[in-house]
N, C-alpha and C. Protein backbone atom coordinates (compact mmCIF):
# COMPACT_ATOMS: atom_id res chain seq x y z
N UNK A 1 0.85 -1.20 0.00
CA UNK A 1 0.00 0.00 0.00
C UNK A 1 0.88 1.25 0.00
N UNK A 2 0.41 2.31 -0.66
CA UNK A 2 1.20 3.54 -0.72
C UNK A 2 1.39 4.16 0.66
N UNK A 3 2.48 4.89 0.79
CA UNK A 3 2.76 5.57 2.05
C UNK A 3 1.92 6.84 2.14
N UNK A 4 1.51 7.20 3.35
CA UNK A 4 0.70 8.41 3.54
C UNK A 4 1.61 9.63 3.64
N UNK A 5 1.11 10.76 3.14
CA UNK A 5 1.84 12.01 3.25
C UNK A 5 1.48 12.77 4.52
N UNK A 6 0.25 12.64 4.93
CA UNK A 6 -0.28 13.44 6.03
C UNK A 6 -0.91 12.54 7.09
N UNK A 7 -1.30 13.16 8.21
CA UNK A 7 -1.93 12.40 9.29
C UNK A 7 -3.45 12.38 9.16
N UNK A 8 -4.00 13.27 8.33
CA UNK A 8 -5.45 13.37 8.16
C UNK A 8 -5.83 12.96 6.74
N UNK A 9 -6.94 12.24 6.62
CA UNK A 9 -7.43 11.82 5.32
C UNK A 9 -8.92 12.12 5.22
N UNK A 10 -9.33 12.62 4.05
CA UNK A 10 -10.75 12.80 3.73
C UNK A 10 -11.15 11.58 2.91
N UNK A 11 -12.14 10.84 3.38
CA UNK A 11 -12.58 9.64 2.68
C UNK A 11 -13.99 9.86 2.12
N UNK A 12 -14.27 9.25 0.99
CA UNK A 12 -15.58 9.37 0.38
C UNK A 12 -15.77 8.28 -0.66
N UNK A 13 -16.99 8.16 -1.15
CA UNK A 13 -17.32 7.16 -2.15
C UNK A 13 -17.87 7.85 -3.39
N UNK A 14 -17.40 7.45 -4.55
CA UNK A 14 -17.96 7.92 -5.81
C UNK A 14 -18.73 6.77 -6.44
N UNK A 15 -19.82 7.10 -7.10
CA UNK A 15 -20.70 6.08 -7.66
C UNK A 15 -21.53 6.72 -8.76
N UNK A 16 -22.13 5.92 -9.64
CA UNK A 16 -22.96 6.49 -10.70
C UNK A 16 -24.07 7.37 -10.10
N UNK A 17 -24.21 8.56 -10.65
CA UNK A 17 -25.21 9.49 -10.15
C UNK A 17 -24.61 10.73 -9.53
N UNK A 18 -23.31 10.71 -9.21
CA UNK A 18 -22.69 11.89 -8.61
C UNK A 18 -21.77 12.63 -9.58
N UNK A 19 -21.75 12.20 -10.84
CA UNK A 19 -20.84 12.79 -11.82
C UNK A 19 -20.96 14.31 -11.91
N UNK A 20 -22.17 14.83 -11.85
CA UNK A 20 -22.39 16.28 -11.98
C UNK A 20 -21.89 17.08 -10.79
N UNK A 21 -21.55 16.43 -9.71
CA UNK A 21 -21.13 17.12 -8.49
C UNK A 21 -19.64 16.97 -8.22
N UNK A 22 -18.97 16.13 -9.00
CA UNK A 22 -17.55 15.84 -8.74
C UNK A 22 -16.66 17.06 -8.96
N UNK A 23 -16.92 17.86 -9.99
CA UNK A 23 -16.09 19.04 -10.23
C UNK A 23 -16.11 19.97 -9.03
N UNK A 24 -17.31 20.28 -8.53
CA UNK A 24 -17.42 21.16 -7.36
C UNK A 24 -16.77 20.53 -6.13
N UNK A 25 -16.95 19.24 -5.98
CA UNK A 25 -16.36 18.52 -4.85
C UNK A 25 -14.84 18.67 -4.86
N UNK A 26 -14.24 18.42 -6.01
CA UNK A 26 -12.78 18.50 -6.10
C UNK A 26 -12.28 19.94 -6.04
N UNK A 27 -13.02 20.88 -6.60
CA UNK A 27 -12.64 22.29 -6.50
C UNK A 27 -12.63 22.73 -5.04
N UNK A 28 -13.62 22.28 -4.29
CA UNK A 28 -13.69 22.62 -2.87
C UNK A 28 -12.48 22.06 -2.12
N UNK A 29 -12.15 20.81 -2.39
CA UNK A 29 -10.98 20.21 -1.74
C UNK A 29 -9.70 20.94 -2.13
N UNK A 30 -9.55 21.25 -3.41
CA UNK A 30 -8.32 21.89 -3.90
C UNK A 30 -8.17 23.31 -3.41
N UNK A 31 -9.28 23.97 -3.06
CA UNK A 31 -9.22 25.38 -2.65
C UNK A 31 -9.02 25.57 -1.15
N UNK A 32 -8.87 24.50 -0.41
CA UNK A 32 -8.67 24.63 1.03
C UNK A 32 -7.32 25.30 1.32
N UNK A 33 -7.31 26.25 2.24
CA UNK A 33 -6.05 26.92 2.57
C UNK A 33 -5.16 25.99 3.40
N UNK A 34 -5.76 25.14 4.20
CA UNK A 34 -5.00 24.15 4.97
C UNK A 34 -4.98 22.88 4.15
N UNK A 35 -3.81 22.50 3.66
CA UNK A 35 -3.73 21.41 2.68
C UNK A 35 -3.00 20.18 3.20
N UNK A 36 -2.93 20.02 4.49
CA UNK A 36 -2.22 18.87 5.04
C UNK A 36 -3.17 17.69 5.24
N UNK A 37 -3.78 17.28 4.14
CA UNK A 37 -4.66 16.11 4.19
C UNK A 37 -4.55 15.36 2.87
N UNK A 38 -4.86 14.09 2.92
CA UNK A 38 -4.89 13.24 1.74
C UNK A 38 -6.35 12.92 1.43
N UNK A 39 -6.57 12.35 0.25
CA UNK A 39 -7.92 11.96 -0.18
C UNK A 39 -7.90 10.46 -0.49
N UNK A 40 -8.87 9.75 0.06
CA UNK A 40 -9.01 8.31 -0.19
C UNK A 40 -10.45 8.08 -0.64
N UNK A 41 -10.61 7.63 -1.88
CA UNK A 41 -11.95 7.44 -2.43
C UNK A 41 -12.19 5.99 -2.80
N UNK A 42 -13.39 5.53 -2.48
CA UNK A 42 -13.85 4.21 -2.91
C UNK A 42 -14.70 4.43 -4.15
N UNK A 43 -14.39 3.71 -5.21
CA UNK A 43 -15.16 3.81 -6.44
C UNK A 43 -16.14 2.64 -6.50
N UNK A 44 -17.42 2.97 -6.39
CA UNK A 44 -18.47 1.95 -6.41
C UNK A 44 -19.19 1.98 -7.75
N UNK A 45 -18.46 1.68 -8.82
CA UNK A 45 -19.09 1.51 -10.13
C UNK A 45 -19.08 2.69 -11.07
N UNK A 46 -18.39 3.77 -10.73
CA UNK A 46 -18.32 4.91 -11.64
C UNK A 46 -17.25 4.62 -12.69
N UNK A 47 -17.67 4.54 -13.95
CA UNK A 47 -16.77 4.15 -15.04
C UNK A 47 -15.74 5.24 -15.35
N UNK A 48 -14.51 4.83 -15.64
CA UNK A 48 -13.43 5.72 -16.09
C UNK A 48 -13.18 6.89 -15.14
N UNK A 49 -13.24 6.64 -13.85
CA UNK A 49 -13.06 7.70 -12.87
C UNK A 49 -11.59 7.84 -12.49
N UNK A 50 -11.12 9.09 -12.48
CA UNK A 50 -9.77 9.40 -12.02
C UNK A 50 -9.84 10.67 -11.20
N UNK A 51 -8.96 10.79 -10.21
CA UNK A 51 -8.88 12.02 -9.43
C UNK A 51 -8.24 13.09 -10.31
N UNK A 52 -8.85 14.27 -10.41
CA UNK A 52 -8.29 15.34 -11.24
C UNK A 52 -6.90 15.76 -10.76
N UNK A 53 -6.07 16.19 -11.69
CA UNK A 53 -4.71 16.62 -11.35
C UNK A 53 -4.71 17.75 -10.33
N UNK A 54 -5.74 18.59 -10.34
CA UNK A 54 -5.79 19.74 -9.42
C UNK A 54 -5.79 19.31 -7.96
N UNK A 55 -6.28 18.13 -7.66
CA UNK A 55 -6.26 17.65 -6.27
C UNK A 55 -5.37 16.44 -6.08
N UNK A 56 -4.85 15.89 -7.15
CA UNK A 56 -4.00 14.72 -7.04
C UNK A 56 -2.76 15.00 -6.21
N UNK A 57 -2.30 16.26 -6.21
CA UNK A 57 -1.14 16.64 -5.40
C UNK A 57 -1.42 16.51 -3.91
N UNK A 58 -2.68 16.41 -3.53
CA UNK A 58 -3.03 16.24 -2.12
C UNK A 58 -2.80 14.81 -1.64
N UNK A 59 -2.40 13.94 -2.51
CA UNK A 59 -2.18 12.55 -2.10
C UNK A 59 -3.42 11.72 -2.31
N UNK A 60 -4.04 11.82 -3.46
CA UNK A 60 -5.28 11.11 -3.74
C UNK A 60 -5.06 9.65 -4.10
N UNK A 61 -5.92 8.80 -3.57
CA UNK A 61 -5.91 7.38 -3.90
C UNK A 61 -7.34 6.92 -4.14
N UNK A 62 -7.47 5.97 -5.07
CA UNK A 62 -8.78 5.39 -5.38
C UNK A 62 -8.66 3.88 -5.24
N UNK A 63 -9.68 3.24 -4.69
CA UNK A 63 -9.75 1.78 -4.75
C UNK A 63 -11.17 1.38 -5.09
N UNK A 64 -11.30 0.24 -5.73
CA UNK A 64 -12.59 -0.24 -6.21
C UNK A 64 -13.33 -1.00 -5.12
N UNK A 65 -14.63 -0.76 -5.01
CA UNK A 65 -15.50 -1.49 -4.09
C UNK A 65 -16.77 -1.88 -4.83
N UNK A 66 -17.44 -2.87 -4.33
CA UNK A 66 -18.70 -3.29 -4.94
C UNK A 66 -19.48 -4.09 -3.91
N UNK A 67 -19.77 -3.44 -2.79
CA UNK A 67 -20.49 -4.10 -1.72
C UNK A 67 -21.67 -3.23 -1.33
N UNK A 68 -22.20 -3.46 -0.16
CA UNK A 68 -23.28 -2.61 0.34
C UNK A 68 -22.71 -1.27 0.78
N UNK A 69 -23.56 -0.30 0.98
CA UNK A 69 -23.12 1.03 1.42
C UNK A 69 -22.34 0.93 2.73
N UNK A 70 -22.87 0.19 3.68
CA UNK A 70 -22.18 0.09 4.97
C UNK A 70 -20.86 -0.67 4.85
N UNK A 71 -20.81 -1.69 4.00
CA UNK A 71 -19.55 -2.43 3.80
C UNK A 71 -18.52 -1.54 3.11
N UNK A 72 -18.96 -0.72 2.16
CA UNK A 72 -18.04 0.21 1.50
C UNK A 72 -17.48 1.20 2.50
N UNK A 73 -18.32 1.70 3.39
CA UNK A 73 -17.88 2.65 4.41
C UNK A 73 -16.84 1.99 5.33
N UNK A 74 -17.11 0.75 5.73
CA UNK A 74 -16.15 0.02 6.57
C UNK A 74 -14.83 -0.18 5.83
N UNK A 75 -14.92 -0.51 4.54
CA UNK A 75 -13.71 -0.69 3.73
C UNK A 75 -12.87 0.58 3.68
N UNK A 76 -13.54 1.71 3.50
CA UNK A 76 -12.84 3.00 3.49
C UNK A 76 -12.11 3.26 4.80
N UNK A 77 -12.83 3.10 5.89
CA UNK A 77 -12.25 3.38 7.20
C UNK A 77 -11.12 2.40 7.52
N UNK A 78 -11.34 1.12 7.22
CA UNK A 78 -10.29 0.12 7.47
C UNK A 78 -9.05 0.40 6.62
N UNK A 79 -9.25 0.80 5.36
CA UNK A 79 -8.12 1.12 4.49
C UNK A 79 -7.34 2.31 5.07
N UNK A 80 -8.06 3.33 5.52
CA UNK A 80 -7.41 4.52 6.09
C UNK A 80 -6.60 4.15 7.34
N UNK A 81 -7.16 3.28 8.17
CA UNK A 81 -6.45 2.84 9.38
C UNK A 81 -5.20 2.05 9.00
N UNK A 82 -5.32 1.13 8.05
CA UNK A 82 -4.18 0.33 7.61
C UNK A 82 -3.07 1.20 7.01
N UNK A 83 -3.46 2.29 6.36
CA UNK A 83 -2.48 3.20 5.77
C UNK A 83 -1.80 4.07 6.83
N UNK A 84 -2.32 4.05 8.05
CA UNK A 84 -1.67 4.77 9.14
C UNK A 84 -2.18 6.17 9.42
N UNK A 85 -3.34 6.52 8.89
CA UNK A 85 -3.88 7.85 9.18
C UNK A 85 -4.33 7.94 10.63
N UNK A 86 -4.11 9.10 11.23
CA UNK A 86 -4.50 9.32 12.62
C UNK A 86 -5.90 9.91 12.73
N UNK A 87 -6.30 10.67 11.73
CA UNK A 87 -7.64 11.29 11.74
C UNK A 87 -8.30 11.02 10.39
N UNK A 88 -9.58 10.65 10.46
CA UNK A 88 -10.34 10.31 9.25
C UNK A 88 -11.59 11.20 9.22
N UNK A 89 -11.78 11.89 8.09
CA UNK A 89 -12.96 12.72 7.90
C UNK A 89 -13.78 12.08 6.79
N UNK A 90 -15.02 11.72 7.07
CA UNK A 90 -15.91 11.10 6.09
C UNK A 90 -16.66 12.21 5.38
N UNK A 91 -16.44 12.31 4.09
CA UNK A 91 -17.13 13.31 3.28
C UNK A 91 -18.23 12.61 2.50
N UNK A 92 -19.34 13.29 2.29
CA UNK A 92 -20.49 12.65 1.62
C UNK A 92 -20.87 13.41 0.38
N UNK A 93 -20.59 12.80 -0.77
CA UNK A 93 -21.00 13.40 -2.03
C UNK A 93 -22.51 13.44 -2.15
N UNK A 94 -23.19 12.46 -1.58
CA UNK A 94 -24.65 12.45 -1.67
C UNK A 94 -25.25 13.62 -0.90
N UNK A 95 -24.60 14.03 0.19
CA UNK A 95 -25.08 15.19 0.95
C UNK A 95 -24.86 16.46 0.13
N UNK A 96 -23.70 16.56 -0.53
CA UNK A 96 -23.43 17.70 -1.39
C UNK A 96 -24.48 17.79 -2.50
N UNK A 97 -24.81 16.64 -3.08
CA UNK A 97 -25.82 16.61 -4.15
C UNK A 97 -27.17 17.09 -3.61
N UNK A 98 -27.55 16.63 -2.44
CA UNK A 98 -28.84 17.04 -1.85
C UNK A 98 -28.86 18.53 -1.55
N UNK A 99 -27.75 19.06 -1.02
CA UNK A 99 -27.68 20.49 -0.73
C UNK A 99 -27.77 21.32 -2.00
N UNK A 100 -27.09 20.89 -3.06
CA UNK A 100 -27.15 21.62 -4.33
C UNK A 100 -28.56 21.57 -4.91
N UNK A 101 -29.21 20.42 -4.81
CA UNK A 101 -30.58 20.31 -5.33
C UNK A 101 -31.52 21.23 -4.56
N UNK A 102 -31.37 21.27 -3.24
CA UNK A 102 -32.22 22.15 -2.43
C UNK A 102 -31.96 23.61 -2.77
N UNK A 103 -30.68 23.96 -2.96
CA UNK A 103 -30.32 25.33 -3.31
C UNK A 103 -30.92 25.71 -4.65
N UNK A 104 -30.88 24.81 -5.63
CA UNK A 104 -31.46 25.07 -6.95
C UNK A 104 -32.96 25.25 -6.85
N UNK A 105 -33.62 24.42 -6.06
CA UNK A 105 -35.07 24.53 -5.88
C UNK A 105 -35.42 25.84 -5.22
N UNK A 106 -34.63 26.25 -4.22
CA UNK A 106 -34.87 27.49 -3.51
C UNK A 106 -34.75 28.68 -4.47
N UNK A 107 -33.70 28.67 -5.31
CA UNK A 107 -33.51 29.74 -6.29
C UNK A 107 -34.67 29.78 -7.27
N UNK A 108 -35.14 28.65 -7.71
CA UNK A 108 -36.26 28.59 -8.67
C UNK A 108 -37.53 29.13 -8.04
N UNK A 109 -37.74 28.85 -6.76
CA UNK A 109 -38.94 29.32 -6.08
C UNK A 109 -38.91 30.84 -5.84
N UNK A 110 -37.72 31.41 -5.77
CA UNK A 110 -37.61 32.84 -5.50
C UNK A 110 -37.78 33.67 -6.78
N UNK A 111 -37.72 33.04 -7.94
CA UNK A 111 -37.86 33.79 -9.21
C UNK A 111 -39.29 34.14 -9.50
């Protein structure tokens, strides 16, 4: 397994249906002023997925999963522990998608 650069890792899962939110997700990660964290992503069926170069410098890693949501989450956390991370932050692309959808609906209702 690759060596970790930092003590903190942001973990998340990518899957079919979140493609439209990945650019914003990665832009947000890349724009952080505090950059001492790595990214560990589980790919649950998203075809031809790669971490963009803009955030790859943060120490991004991808591994393939194909289990239940809870098993994928356990796999992410176990992988982060095995890699030696001291702090793990679980990021949720599905939450980002829901927030963006709500924001879009709110904007549409205000017009």
